[in-house]
PDB file of N, CA and C in Angstrom:
ATOM      1  N   UNK A   1       0.762  -3.858 -20.025  1.00  0.00           N
ATOM      2  CA  UNK A   1       1.400  -4.957 -19.048  1.00  0.00           C
ATOM      3  C   UNK A   1       0.170  -6.161 -19.917  1.00  0.00           C
ATOM      4  N   UNK A   2       1.132  -7.131 -19.886  1.00  0.00           N
ATOM      5  CA  UNK A   2       0.476  -8.026 -20.493  1.00  0.00           C
ATOM      6  C   UNK A   2      -0.563  -8.752 -19.492  1.00  0.00           C
ATOM      7  N   UNK A   3      -1.676  -9.327 -20.073  1.00  0.00           N
ATOM      8  CA  UNK A   3      -2.840  -9.701 -19.346  1.00  0.00           C
ATOM      9  C   UNK A   3      -1.985 -10.844 -18.223  1.00  0.00           C
ATOM     10  N   UNK A   4      -1.502 -11.726 -18.903  1.00  0.00           N
ATOM     11  CA  UNK A   4      -0.755 -12.632 -17.713  1.00  0.00           C
ATOM     12  C   UNK A   4      -0.130 -12.058 -16.530  1.00  0.00           C
ATOM     13  N   UNK A   5       0.793 -11.150 -17.068  1.00  0.00           N
ATOM     14  CA  UNK A   5       1.473 -10.215 -15.867  1.00  0.00           C
ATOM     15  C   UNK A   5       0.644  -9.713 -14.742  1.00  0.00           C
ATOM     16  N   UNK A   6      -0.603  -9.199 -15.157  1.00  0.00           N
ATOM     17  CA  UNK A   6      -1.465  -8.405 -14.567  1.00  0.00           C
ATOM     18  C   UNK A   6      -2.206  -9.488 -13.663  1.00  0.00           C
ATOM     19  N   UNK A   7      -2.773 -10.749 -13.948  1.00  0.00           N
ATOM     20  CA  UNK A   7      -3.311 -11.917 -13.436  1.00  0.00           C
ATOM     21  C   UNK A   7      -2.221 -12.406 -12.038  1.00  0.00           C
ATOM     22  N   UNK A   8      -0.854 -12.265 -12.554  1.00  0.00           N
ATOM     23  CA  UNK A   8      -0.414 -12.522 -11.356  1.00  0.00           C
ATOM     24  C   UNK A   8      -0.125 -11.420 -10.525  1.00  0.00           C
ATOM     25  N   UNK A   9       0.007 -10.735 -10.664  1.00  0.00           N
ATOM     26  CA  UNK A   9       0.122  -9.248  -9.890  1.00  0.00           C
ATOM     27  C   UNK A   9      -1.218  -9.356  -9.270  1.00  0.00           C
ATOM     28  N   UNK A  10      -2.283  -9.360  -9.691  1.00  0.00           N
ATOM     29  CA  UNK A  10      -3.567  -9.207  -8.940  1.00  0.00           C
ATOM     30  C   UNK A  10      -3.983 -10.412  -7.842  1.00  0.00           C
ATOM     31  N   UNK A  11      -3.358 -11.605  -8.274  1.00  0.00           N
ATOM     32  CA  UNK A  11      -3.342 -12.758  -7.454  1.00  0.00           C
ATOM     33  C   UNK A  11      -2.531 -12.445  -6.350  1.00  0.00           C
ATOM     34  N   UNK A  12      -1.686 -12.008  -6.282  1.00  0.00           N
ATOM     35  CA  UNK A  12      -0.743 -11.831  -4.766  1.00  0.00           C
ATOM     36  C   UNK A  12      -1.061 -10.464  -4.068  1.00  0.00           C
ATOM     37  N   UNK A  13      -1.817  -9.650  -5.075  1.00  0.00           N
ATOM     38  CA  UNK A  13      -2.334  -8.096  -4.349  1.00  0.00           C
ATOM     39  C   UNK A  13      -3.682  -8.112  -4.808  1.00  0.00           C
ATOM     40  N   UNK A  14      -4.748  -8.386  -4.319  1.00  0.00           N
ATOM     41  CA  UNK A  14      -6.037  -8.724  -4.214  1.00  0.00           C
ATOM     42  C   UNK A  14      -6.459  -7.339  -4.131  1.00  0.00           C
ATOM     43  N   UNK A  15      -6.004  -6.639  -3.572  1.00  0.00           N
ATOM     44  CA  UNK A  15      -6.476  -5.120  -3.253  1.00  0.00           C
ATOM     45  C   UNK A  15      -6.499  -4.268  -4.455  1.00  0.00           C
ATOM     46  N   UNK A  16      -5.782  -4.889  -5.406  1.00  0.00           N
ATOM     47  CA  UNK A  16      -5.391  -3.725  -6.835  1.00  0.00           C
ATOM     48  C   UNK A  16      -6.874  -3.840  -7.186  1.00  0.00           C
ATOM     49  N   UNK A  17      -7.449  -4.809  -7.232  1.00  0.00           N
ATOM     50  CA  UNK A  17      -8.829  -4.933  -7.874  1.00  0.00           C
ATOM     51  C   UNK A  17      -9.848  -4.476  -6.836  1.00  0.00           C
ATOM     52  N   UNK A  18      -9.932  -4.886  -5.738  1.00  0.00           N
ATOM     53  CA  UNK A  18     -10.694  -4.315  -4.637  1.00  0.00           C
ATOM     54  C   UNK A  18     -10.023  -3.753  -3.540  1.00  0.00           C
ATOM     55  N   UNK A  19      -9.847  -2.412  -3.253  1.00  0.00           N
ATOM     56  CA  UNK A  19      -9.313  -1.855  -1.983  1.00  0.00           C
ATOM     57  C   UNK A  19      -9.620  -2.649  -0.986  1.00  0.00           C
ATOM     58  N   UNK A  20     -10.828  -3.002  -0.613  1.00  0.00           N
ATOM     59  CA  UNK A  20     -11.391  -2.968   0.851  1.00  0.00           C
ATOM     60  C   UNK A  20     -10.882  -4.749   0.984  1.00  0.00           C
ATOM     61  N   UNK A  21     -10.227  -5.435  -0.172  1.00  0.00           N
ATOM     62  CA  UNK A  21      -9.391  -6.394   0.246  1.00  0.00           C
ATOM     63  C   UNK A  21      -8.071  -6.509   1.065  1.00  0.00           C
ATOM     64  N   UNK A  22      -7.747  -5.050   1.135  1.00  0.00           N
ATOM     65  CA  UNK A  22      -6.228  -5.145   2.047  1.00  0.00           C
ATOM     66  C   UNK A  22      -6.869  -5.201   3.598  1.00  0.00           C
ATOM     67  N   UNK A  23      -8.204  -5.493   3.998  1.00  0.00           N
ATOM     68  CA  UNK A  23      -8.335  -5.409   5.177  1.00  0.00           C
ATOM     69  C   UNK A  23      -8.131  -7.126   6.016  1.00  0.00           C
ATOM     70  N   UNK A  24      -8.026  -7.955   4.534  1.00  0.00           N
ATOM     71  CA  UNK A  24      -8.179  -9.134   5.042  1.00  0.00           C
ATOM     72  C   UNK A  24      -6.638  -9.604   5.447  1.00  0.00           C
ATOM     73  N   UNK A  25      -6.054  -9.088   5.209  1.00  0.00           N
ATOM     74  CA  UNK A  25      -4.486  -8.873   5.431  1.00  0.00           C
ATOM     75  C   UNK A  25      -4.213  -9.359   6.931  1.00  0.00           C
ATOM     76  N   UNK A  26      -3.377 -10.329   7.316  1.00  0.00           N
ATOM     77  CA  UNK A  26      -3.246 -10.754   8.772  1.00  0.00           C
ATOM     78  C   UNK A  26      -2.497  -9.833   9.694  1.00  0.00           C
ATOM     79  N   UNK A  27      -1.842  -8.847   8.567  1.00  0.00           N
ATOM     80  CA  UNK A  27      -0.991  -7.769   9.284  1.00  0.00           C
ATOM     81  C   UNK A  27      -1.867  -6.401   9.418  1.00  0.00           C
ATOM     82  N   UNK A  28      -2.381  -6.319   8.598  1.00  0.00           N
ATOM     83  CA  UNK A  28      -3.697  -5.337   8.570  1.00  0.00           C
ATOM     84  C   UNK A  28      -4.603  -5.495  10.076  1.00  0.00           C
ATOM     85  N   UNK A  29      -5.106  -6.415  10.020  1.00  0.00           N
ATOM     86  CA  UNK A  29      -5.995  -7.055  10.813  1.00  0.00           C
ATOM     87  C   UNK A  29      -5.450  -6.873  12.457  1.00  0.00           C
ATOM     88  N   UNK A  30      -4.200  -7.400  12.515  1.00  0.00           N
ATOM     89  CA  UNK A  30      -3.305  -6.982  13.801  1.00  0.00           C
ATOM     90  C   UNK A  30      -3.530  -5.735  14.275  1.00  0.00           C
ATOM     91  N   UNK A  31      -2.951  -4.904  12.964  1.00  0.00           N
ATOM     92  CA  UNK A  31      -2.575  -3.633  13.552  1.00  0.00           C
ATOM     93  C   UNK A  31      -3.928  -2.654  13.919  1.00  0.00           C
ATOM     94  N   UNK A  32      -5.061  -3.082  12.697  1.00  0.00           N
ATOM     95  CA  UNK A  32      -6.284  -2.218  13.297  1.00  0.00           C
ATOM     96  C   UNK A  32      -6.740  -2.756  15.253  1.00  0.00           C
ATOM     97  N   UNK A  33      -6.565  -4.200  15.402  1.00  0.00           N
ATOM     98  CA  UNK A  33      -6.731  -4.813  16.880  1.00  0.00           C
ATOM     99  C   UNK A  33      -5.818  -3.974  17.507  1.00  0.00           C
ATOM    100  N   UNK A  34      -4.742  -3.267  17.467  1.00  0.00           N
ATOM    101  CA  UNK A  34      -3.995  -2.906  18.407  1.00  0.00           C
ATOM    102  C   UNK A  34      -4.066  -1.796  19.123  1.00  0.00           C
ATOM    103  N   UNK A  35      -3.644  -1.536  20.289  1.00  0.00           N
ATOM    104  CA  UNK A  35      -4.257  -0.329  21.273  1.00  0.00           C
ATOM    105  C   UNK A  35      -3.710   0.637  20.708  1.00  0.00           C
ATOM    106  N   UNK A  36      -2.256   0.214  20.297  1.00  0.00           N
ATOM    107  CA  UNK A  36      -0.771   1.524  20.389  1.00  0.00           C
ATOM    108  C   UNK A  36      -0.528   1.645  18.531  1.00  0.00           C
ATOM    109  N   UNK A  37      -0.964   2.366  18.172  1.00  0.00           N
ATOM    110  CA  UNK A  37      -0.388   2.729  16.485  1.00  0.00           C
ATOM    111  C   UNK A  37       0.420   3.657  16.324  1.00  0.00           C
ATOM    112  N   UNK A  38       1.318   4.156  15.762  1.00  0.00           N
ATOM    113  CA  UNK A  38       2.179   4.973  14.623  1.00  0.00           C
ATOM    114  C   UNK A  38       1.998   4.853  13.733  1.00  0.00           C
ATOM    115  N   UNK A  39       1.815   6.199  12.780  1.00  0.00           N
ATOM    116  CA  UNK A  39       1.900   6.142  11.376  1.00  0.00           C
ATOM    117  C   UNK A  39       2.387   7.315  10.836  1.00  0.00           C
ATOM    118  N   UNK A  40       3.944   7.074  10.451  1.00  0.00           N
ATOM    119  CA  UNK A  40       4.838   8.028  10.350  1.00  0.00           C
ATOM    120  C   UNK A  40       4.318   8.954   8.989  1.00  0.00           C
ATOM    121  N   UNK A  41       4.568  10.209   9.248  1.00  0.00           N
ATOM    122  CA  UNK A  41       4.220  11.263   8.353  1.00  0.00           C
ATOM    123  C   UNK A  41       5.691  11.527   7.653  1.00  0.00           C
ATOM    124  N   UNK A  42       5.865  10.872   6.709  1.00  0.00           N
ATOM    125  CA  UNK A  42       7.176  11.194   6.126  1.00  0.00           C
ATOM    126  C   UNK A  42       7.343  12.692   5.048  1.00  0.00           C
ATOM    127  N   UNK A  43       6.212  12.538   4.302  1.00  0.00           N
ATOM    128  CA  UNK A  43       5.857  13.893   3.842  1.00  0.00           C
ATOM    129  C   UNK A  43       4.478  13.921   3.570  1.00  0.00           C
ATOM    130  N   UNK A  44       4.516  15.099   2.619  1.00  0.00           N
ATOM    131  CA  UNK A  44       2.829  15.684   2.901  1.00  0.00           C
ATOM    132  C   UNK A  44       2.683  15.089   0.901  1.00  0.00           C
ATOM    133  N   UNK A  45       1.169  15.085   0.953  1.00  0.00           N
ATOM    134  CA  UNK A  45       0.761  14.984  -0.732  1.00  0.00           C
ATOM    135  C   UNK A  45       1.209  16.117  -1.218  1.00  0.00           C
ATOM    136  N   UNK A  46       1.062  17.570  -0.408  1.00  0.00           N
ATOM    137  CA  UNK A  46       1.061  18.600  -1.037  1.00  0.00           C
ATOM    138  C   UNK A  46       2.785  18.974  -2.116  1.00  0.00           C
ATOM    139  N   UNK A  47       3.806  17.530  -1.340  1.00  0.00           N
ATOM    140  CA  UNK A  47       5.262  17.985  -1.762  1.00  0.00           C
ATOM    141  C   UNK A  47       4.891  17.205  -3.302  1.00  0.00           C
ATOM    142  N   UNK A  48       3.979  16.410  -3.158  1.00  0.00           N
ATOM    143  CA  UNK A  48       4.412  15.545  -4.969  1.00  0.00           C
ATOM    144  C   UNK A  48       4.535  16.376  -5.797  1.00  0.00           C
ATOM    145  N   UNK A  49       5.346  16.300  -6.528  1.00  0.00           N
ATOM    146  CA  UNK A  49       5.010  16.768  -8.031  1.00  0.00           C
ATOM    147  C   UNK A  49       5.413  15.552  -9.230  1.00  0.00           C
ATOM    148  N   UNK A  50       4.974  15.881 -10.323  1.00  0.00           N
ATOM    149  CA  UNK A  50       5.543  14.931 -11.220  1.00  0.00           C
ATOM    150  C   UNK A  50       6.644  14.403 -11.315  1.00  0.00           C
ATOM    151  N   UNK A  51       6.543  13.063 -11.437  1.00  0.00           N
ATOM    152  CA  UNK A  51       8.147  12.401 -11.340  1.00  0.00           C
ATOM    153  C   UNK A  51       7.928  10.952 -11.018  1.00  0.00           C
ATOM    154  N   UNK A  52       8.996  10.212 -10.502  1.00  0.00           N
ATOM    155  CA  UNK A  52       8.898   8.663 -10.584  1.00  0.00           C
ATOM    156  C   UNK A  52       9.654   8.703  -9.049  1.00  0.00           C
ATOM    157  N   UNK A  53       8.505   8.297  -8.360  1.00  0.00           N
ATOM    158  CA  UNK A  53       9.067   7.932  -6.656  1.00  0.00           C
ATOM    159  C   UNK A  53       9.136   5.996  -6.706  1.00  0.00           C
ATOM    160  N   UNK A  54       9.955   6.201  -5.722  1.00  0.00           N
ATOM    161  CA  UNK A  54      10.062   5.246  -5.305  1.00  0.00           C
ATOM    162  C   UNK A  54      10.332   4.665  -3.460  1.00  0.00           C
ATOM    163  N   UNK A  55       9.785   3.933  -2.774  1.00  0.00           N
ATOM    164  CA  UNK A  55       9.652   3.483  -1.254  1.00  0.00           C
ATOM    165  C   UNK A  55      10.355   2.340  -1.295  1.00  0.00           C
ATOM    166  N   UNK A  56      11.553   2.699  -0.213  1.00  0.00           N
ATOM    167  CA  UNK A  56      11.991   1.166  -0.376  1.00  0.00           C
ATOM    168  C   UNK A  56      12.328   1.201   1.017  1.00  0.00           C
ATOM    169  N   UNK A  57      12.282  -0.243   1.365  1.00  0.00           N
ATOM    170  CA  UNK A  57      12.581  -0.512   3.074  1.00  0.00           C
ATOM    171  C   UNK A  57      12.657  -1.842   3.077  1.00  0.00           C
ATOM    172  N   UNK A  58      12.690  -2.573   4.362  1.00  0.00           N
ATOM    173  CA  UNK A  58      12.395  -3.834   4.762  1.00  0.00           C
ATOM    174  C   UNK A  58      10.992  -4.199   4.819  1.00  0.00           C
ATOM    175  N   UNK A  59      10.889  -5.659   4.708  1.00  0.00           N
ATOM    176  CA  UNK A  59       9.762  -6.188   4.396  1.00  0.00           C
ATOM    177  C   UNK A  59       8.726  -5.769   5.536  1.00  0.00           C
ATOM    178  N   UNK A  60       7.652  -5.756   5.436  1.00  0.00           N
ATOM    179  CA  UNK A  60       6.623  -5.601   6.743  1.00  0.00           C
ATOM    180  C   UNK A  60       6.829  -4.754   7.512  1.00  0.00           C
ATOM    181  N   UNK A  61       7.607  -3.160   6.965  1.00  0.00           N
ATOM    182  CA  UNK A  61       7.723  -2.558   7.910  1.00  0.00           C
ATOM    183  C   UNK A  61       6.666  -1.132   8.048  1.00  0.00           C
ATOM    184  N   UNK A  62       5.200  -1.292   6.955  1.00  0.00           N
ATOM    185  CA  UNK A  62       4.761  -0.077   7.053  1.00  0.00           C
ATOM    186  C   UNK A  62       4.288   0.524   5.826  1.00  0.00           C
ATOM    187  N   UNK A  63       5.301   0.241   4.803  1.00  0.00           N
ATOM    188  CA  UNK A  63       5.630   0.675   3.593  1.00  0.00           C
ATOM    189  C   UNK A  63       4.021   0.807   2.779  1.00  0.00           C
ATOM    190  N   UNK A  64       3.151   1.779   2.558  1.00  0.00           N
ATOM    191  CA  UNK A  64       1.761   1.872   2.268  1.00  0.00           C
ATOM    192  C   UNK A  64       2.223   2.775   0.790  1.00  0.00           C
ATOM    193  N   UNK A  65       1.430   3.105  -0.383  1.00  0.00           N
ATOM    194  CA  UNK A  65       1.062   3.789  -1.322  1.00  0.00           C
ATOM    195  C   UNK A  65       0.008   4.431  -0.803  1.00  0.00           C
ATOM    196  N   UNK A  66       0.470   5.812  -0.877  1.00  0.00           N
ATOM    197  CA  UNK A  66      -0.503   7.316  -0.821  1.00  0.00           C
ATOM    198  C   UNK A  66      -1.708   6.886  -2.017  1.00  0.00           C
ATOM    199  N   UNK A  67      -2.911   7.380  -1.503  1.00  0.00           N
ATOM    200  CA  UNK A  67      -3.914   7.600  -2.338  1.00  0.00           C
ATOM    201  C   UNK A  67      -3.805   8.988  -2.603  1.00  0.00           C
ATOM    202  N   UNK A  68      -3.659   8.685  -4.102  1.00  0.00           N
ATOM    203  CA  UNK A  68      -3.606  10.013  -5.307  1.00  0.00           C
ATOM    204  C   UNK A  68      -4.925   9.965  -6.272  1.00  0.00           C
ATOM    205  N   UNK A  69      -5.110  10.864  -6.498  1.00  0.00           N
ATOM    206  CA  UNK A  69      -6.396  11.009  -7.365  1.00  0.00           C
ATOM    207  C   UNK A  69      -5.407  11.712  -8.541  1.00  0.00           C
ATOM    208  N   UNK A  70      -5.385  10.920  -9.712  1.00  0.00           N
ATOM    209  CA  UNK A  70      -4.459  11.268 -11.246  1.00  0.00           C
ATOM    210  C   UNK A  70      -5.960  12.282 -11.961  1.00  0.00           C
TER     211      UNK A  70
END
């Protein structure tokens, strides 16, 4: 990946450089402050095998990247 592309991506996704920055997102702040939360369990990390995965859906519906150690 080129340096310019990486700069553009990380400017829009600051948590790629510092995972704590995700807490600065207004939607995350609202979720953390809510009294009712729902976190769906779509699959277990134990189910993941080598391959390419995509997670698709509408904007701002709670898609998130699981934290995997490689």
